[in-house]
Protein backbone atom coordinates (compact mmCIF):
# COMPACT_ATOMS: atom_id res chain seq x y z
CA MET A 1 -0.10 0.02 -0.09
CA ILE A 2 1.22 3.52 -0.80
CA ILE A 3 0.43 6.30 1.73
CA TYR A 4 1.22 9.66 2.16
CA LYS A 5 2.28 11.81 5.02
CA TYR A 6 1.65 15.56 4.88
CA THR A 7 4.23 17.65 7.43
CA GLY A 8 6.03 21.23 7.30
CA ILE A 9 9.72 21.39 7.15
CA SER A 10 10.96 21.88 10.17
CA ASP A 11 13.45 20.13 12.86
CA ASN A 12 11.10 17.18 13.33
CA LEU A 13 11.06 16.47 9.41
CA ASN A 14 15.00 16.85 9.38
CA ASP A 15 14.76 13.98 12.55
CA SER A 16 12.53 12.23 10.84
CA LEU A 17 15.19 11.94 7.35
CA VAL A 18 18.23 11.78 9.43
CA ASN A 19 17.00 8.85 11.70
CA GLY A 20 14.25 7.27 9.95
CA ARG A 21 11.51 7.42 12.40
CA LEU A 22 8.04 9.11 13.14
CA PHE A 23 6.50 10.45 16.16
CA PHE A 24 3.27 8.55 17.24
CA ASN A 25 1.09 10.99 19.08
CA ASN A 26 -1.51 10.25 22.15
CA PRO A 27 -5.20 10.45 20.47
CA GLN A 28 -5.90 12.49 23.30
CA ASN A 29 -3.78 15.26 21.92
CA PHE A 30 -5.69 15.20 18.41
CA ASN A 31 -6.91 18.59 17.06
CA ASP A 32 -10.96 17.49 16.36
CA PRO A 33 -12.68 17.16 19.73
CA PHE A 34 -15.15 14.32 18.24
CA ASP A 35 -11.99 12.22 17.50
CA CYS A 36 -12.17 9.12 19.52
CA ASN A 37 -15.49 9.68 20.95
CA PHE A 38 -17.87 6.77 20.84
CA LEU A 39 -20.79 5.20 22.91
CA LEU A 40 -19.91 3.52 25.83
CA GLU A 41 -22.06 0.82 26.75
CA THR A 42 -21.35 -0.66 30.16
CA ASP A 43 -24.18 -3.17 30.89
CA CYS A 44 -22.73 -6.50 32.03
CA SER A 45 -23.61 -9.17 34.02
CA ALA A 46 -22.64 -9.96 37.60
CA GLN A 47 -19.76 -12.48 36.92
CA GLU A 48 -18.65 -10.49 33.71
CA LYS A 49 -17.85 -7.53 36.22
CA THR A 50 -16.38 -9.54 38.84
CA GLU A 51 -14.20 -11.46 36.14
CA TYR A 52 -13.12 -8.06 34.81
CA ILE A 53 -12.33 -6.58 38.29
CA VAL A 54 -10.41 -9.62 39.60
CA ASN A 55 -8.06 -9.84 36.38
CA SER A 56 -7.48 -6.35 36.19
CA MET A 57 -6.40 -6.02 39.87
CA TYR A 58 -4.40 -9.72 40.20
CA GLY A 59 -0.86 -9.50 40.71
CA GLN A 60 -1.00 -5.60 40.85
CA GLY A 61 -0.04 -5.29 44.59
CA PHE A 62 -3.73 -5.46 46.00
CA SER A 63 -4.68 -7.27 48.49
CA GLN A 64 -7.73 -9.69 48.67
CA ALA A 65 -9.50 -7.48 50.49
CA GLN A 66 -9.17 -4.46 48.48
CA ILE A 67 -10.22 -6.75 45.41
CA ASP A 68 -13.24 -7.90 47.24
CA GLU A 69 -14.12 -4.47 48.22
CA ALA A 70 -13.66 -3.32 44.86
CA VAL A 71 -16.15 -6.07 43.22
CA ASN A 72 -18.85 -5.24 45.81
CA LYS A 73 -18.61 -1.66 44.87
CA ALA A 74 -19.30 -2.43 41.25
CA LEU A 75 -22.29 -4.75 41.85
CA ASN A 76 -23.97 -2.55 43.82
CA ASN A 77 -23.28 0.89 43.23
CA PRO A 78 -23.90 1.68 38.88
CA ASN A 79 -21.83 4.84 38.96
CA SER A 80 -18.81 3.07 40.30
CA TRP A 81 -18.86 0.58 37.80
CA ASP A 82 -19.18 3.50 35.10
CA ASN A 83 -16.40 5.23 36.79
CA LEU A 84 -14.37 2.11 36.67
CA ILE A 85 -14.62 1.34 32.60
CA ASN A 86 -14.27 5.02 32.01
CA ASP A 87 -11.12 5.04 33.67
CA ALA A 88 -10.02 2.09 31.93
CA LYS A 89 -11.01 3.80 28.70
CA GLU A 90 -8.87 6.64 29.37
CA ARG A 91 -5.76 4.43 30.18
CA PHE A 92 -6.15 2.88 27.00
CA LEU A 93 -6.51 5.98 24.72
CA ASN A 94 -3.40 7.87 27.15
CA ARG A 95 -1.31 4.61 26.28
CA ILE A 96 -1.45 4.18 22.71
CA GLY A 97 0.21 5.72 19.99
CA VAL A 98 -1.00 6.86 16.55
CA CYS A 99 0.93 8.50 13.44
CA CYS A 100 -1.54 9.57 10.38
CA PHE A 101 -1.59 9.35 7.14
CA SER A 102 -3.78 9.37 4.00
CA LYS A 103 -4.51 7.64 0.82
CA THR A 104 -4.28 10.40 -1.70
CA ASN A 105 -1.33 13.25 -2.48
CA GLU A 106 -3.78 15.42 -4.41
CA ASN A 107 -5.95 17.27 -2.25
CA PRO A 108 -5.29 21.08 -2.14
CA LEU A 109 -6.95 21.32 1.50
CA LEU A 110 -4.35 18.51 2.84
CA TRP A 111 -1.33 20.49 1.46
CA ALA A 112 -2.94 23.44 3.27
CA HIS A 113 -3.81 22.22 6.31
CA TYR A 114 -0.78 19.87 7.10
CA SER A 115 2.15 20.96 5.06
CA ASP A 116 2.31 24.59 5.77
CA LYS A 117 0.18 26.20 3.21
CA HIS A 118 1.69 24.12 0.05
CA LYS A 119 5.46 25.01 1.74
CA GLY A 120 6.05 21.84 3.16
CA VAL A 121 6.27 18.59 1.56
CA CYS A 122 4.43 15.00 1.43
CA LEU A 123 6.18 11.74 2.45
CA VAL A 124 5.29 8.70 0.15
CA PHE A 125 5.66 5.45 1.83
CA ASP A 126 5.14 1.75 0.68
CA THR A 127 3.95 -0.08 3.63
CA SER A 128 5.03 -3.37 2.36
CA LYS A 129 8.94 -2.09 2.74
CA SER A 130 8.75 -1.81 6.65
CA PRO A 131 6.37 -4.43 7.34
CA ASP A 132 7.06 -4.00 11.50
CA PHE A 133 6.59 -0.43 11.45
CA PHE A 134 3.22 -0.51 9.24
CA SER A 135 2.13 -3.89 10.77
CA ARG A 136 -0.80 -2.43 12.59
CA THR A 137 -2.21 0.28 9.60
CA TYR A 138 -6.06 0.70 9.12
CA SER A 139 -8.25 2.94 7.21
CA ILE A 140 -10.48 5.19 9.01
CA LYS A 141 -13.95 4.67 8.75
CA TYR A 142 -16.25 7.85 8.30
CA ARG A 143 -19.91 7.96 9.82
CA SER A 144 -22.46 10.27 11.10
CA ASN A 145 -22.70 8.83 14.81
CA TYR A 146 -20.29 7.38 17.28
CA PRO A 147 -19.62 3.93 17.30
CA ARG A 148 -20.92 1.72 20.36
CA ILE A 149 -19.13 -0.69 22.03
CA ASN A 150 -19.47 -2.64 25.10
CA PHE A 151 -16.10 -2.14 26.69
CA ILE A 152 -16.02 -5.97 28.71
CA ARG A 153 -17.79 -7.55 25.69
CA GLU A 154 -16.14 -6.32 22.65
CA ARG A 155 -12.25 -5.45 24.02
CA SER A 156 -11.62 -6.81 20.13
CA ARG A 157 -12.99 -3.48 18.64
CA PHE A 158 -10.82 -1.32 21.06
CA ASP A 159 -9.15 -0.06 17.79
CA GLU A 160 -12.12 1.70 16.53
CA LEU A 161 -12.22 3.99 19.34
CA VAL A 162 -9.02 5.74 17.02
CA LEU A 163 -10.39 4.50 13.77
CA THR A 164 -13.83 6.23 13.53
CA LYS A 165 -14.12 9.72 12.34
CA SER A 166 -16.95 12.54 11.58
CA ILE A 167 -18.50 11.94 8.05
CA ASP A 168 -17.13 15.74 7.68
CA TRP A 169 -13.58 14.47 7.37
CA ILE A 170 -14.08 12.31 4.70
CA TYR A 171 -12.23 13.89 2.04
CA GLU A 172 -8.75 13.47 4.01
CA GLN A 173 -8.93 9.56 3.19
CA GLU A 174 -6.84 8.81 5.99
CA VAL A 175 -5.09 6.25 7.43
CA ARG A 176 -3.77 5.52 10.97
CA VAL A 177 -0.65 3.05 11.95
CA MET A 178 -0.98 2.17 15.56
CA LYS A 179 1.50 1.30 18.44
CA ASP A 180 1.02 0.01 21.83
CA THR A 181 2.77 3.10 23.36
CA GLY A 182 2.29 7.03 22.36
CA GLY A 183 4.53 9.90 22.96
CA GLN A 184 7.77 8.60 21.25
CA LEU A 185 9.65 7.89 18.11
CA TYR A 186 9.54 4.73 16.35
CA ASN A 187 12.03 3.81 13.40
CA PHE A 188 10.97 2.80 9.82
CA ASP A 189 13.01 1.09 7.48
CA LYS A 190 14.31 3.59 5.01
CA ALA A 191 13.44 1.56 1.90
CA SER A 192 9.80 2.34 2.71
CA LEU A 193 10.21 6.09 2.23
CA VAL A 194 9.84 5.68 -1.38
CA GLY A 195 9.32 9.59 -2.40
CA ILE A 196 9.00 13.48 -1.34
CA ILE A 197 6.58 15.20 -2.99
CA PHE A 198 7.48 19.15 -2.47
CA GLY A 199 4.43 21.67 -1.86
CA SER A 200 4.16 24.23 -5.13
CA LYS A 201 5.41 26.91 -2.65
CA THR A 202 8.53 25.11 -1.26
CA GLY A 203 11.43 27.19 -1.70
CA ILE A 204 14.41 26.16 -3.92
CA GLY A 205 17.07 26.43 -0.68
CA GLU A 206 14.87 23.97 1.08
CA ILE A 207 14.23 21.53 -1.75
CA THR A 208 18.24 21.19 -2.58
CA ARG A 209 18.98 20.98 0.99
CA ILE A 210 16.22 18.25 1.60
CA LYS A 211 17.59 16.19 -1.66
CA ALA A 212 21.06 16.48 -0.39
CA LEU A 213 19.73 15.06 2.84
CA LEU A 214 18.17 12.21 1.18
CA VAL A 215 21.57 11.13 -0.67
CA THR A 216 23.53 11.52 2.53
CA ASN A 217 21.33 9.42 4.55
CA GLY A 218 20.87 6.49 2.34
CA TYR A 219 17.72 6.99 0.34
CA ASN A 220 16.54 5.93 -2.97
CA THR A 221 13.41 8.12 -3.34
CA PHE A 222 11.97 10.14 -6.25
CA THR A 223 11.26 13.56 -5.68
CA GLN A 224 8.52 15.60 -7.31
CA LYS A 225 7.18 19.04 -7.20
CA ALA A 226 3.49 20.24 -6.91
CA SER A 227 2.25 22.61 -9.34
CA LEU A 228 -1.35 24.39 -9.45
CA ARG A 229 -3.00 23.27 -12.31
CA GLN A 230 -3.93 26.45 -14.71
CA ALA A 231 -7.79 26.27 -15.85
CA SER A 232 -8.99 24.12 -12.52
CA PHE A 233 -8.53 23.35 -8.97
CA GLY A 234 -6.14 20.76 -8.38
CA LEU A 235 -2.33 19.79 -8.44
CA ASP A 236 0.00 18.32 -10.90
CA PHE A 237 3.20 16.73 -9.86
CA GLN A 238 6.51 17.06 -12.16
CA ASP A 239 9.92 14.88 -11.35
CA ILE A 240 12.77 17.40 -10.11
């Protein structure tokens, strides 16, 4: 799969190219406040609640009395159970890391929003050339309503928490790569960076510098420059 990473020209881009790595953000830091929202179902049997609490607390330094107290609260106080599940959801979202890409390099809005008003670049990745880095790569699902997930019975659907967005964002054709821990850098195989597209407003000095950086750091990539079409709204790309 070929996917695209829009970014401005900055120290972060330099680091990515020199060291072959990308930053995986925590989804709680995303700019869309609707992102990662969902309808959390907490309706579970007494046995399911008990098993969840025991499995969560066992081996974590809690005494049997503390575990029994937690179970008793969950079984007899609905608010306590709901709070426990909401805390677990927040811990999940605070732990994982996400790096965002797109299936398209042609959308002027993406260039404007994520590549410094067309002055940045678009990194072109071939996911097949770095299978470990891209092992958890998913396309975003766009919909009008939040997904509904039972936190206990549907734990296999947890990834959906960060893979569903409002249909208003469908133009982005977003793809997300996930890691178990966020807030850190992960290395990709440099062979997977197969191209760099410079924005229509990227300066010649930056283009020259970045092309030299690619050679110095052992990349074998194509380079292109975007330009505005003359008779219609859109972009064309030429090899440089």
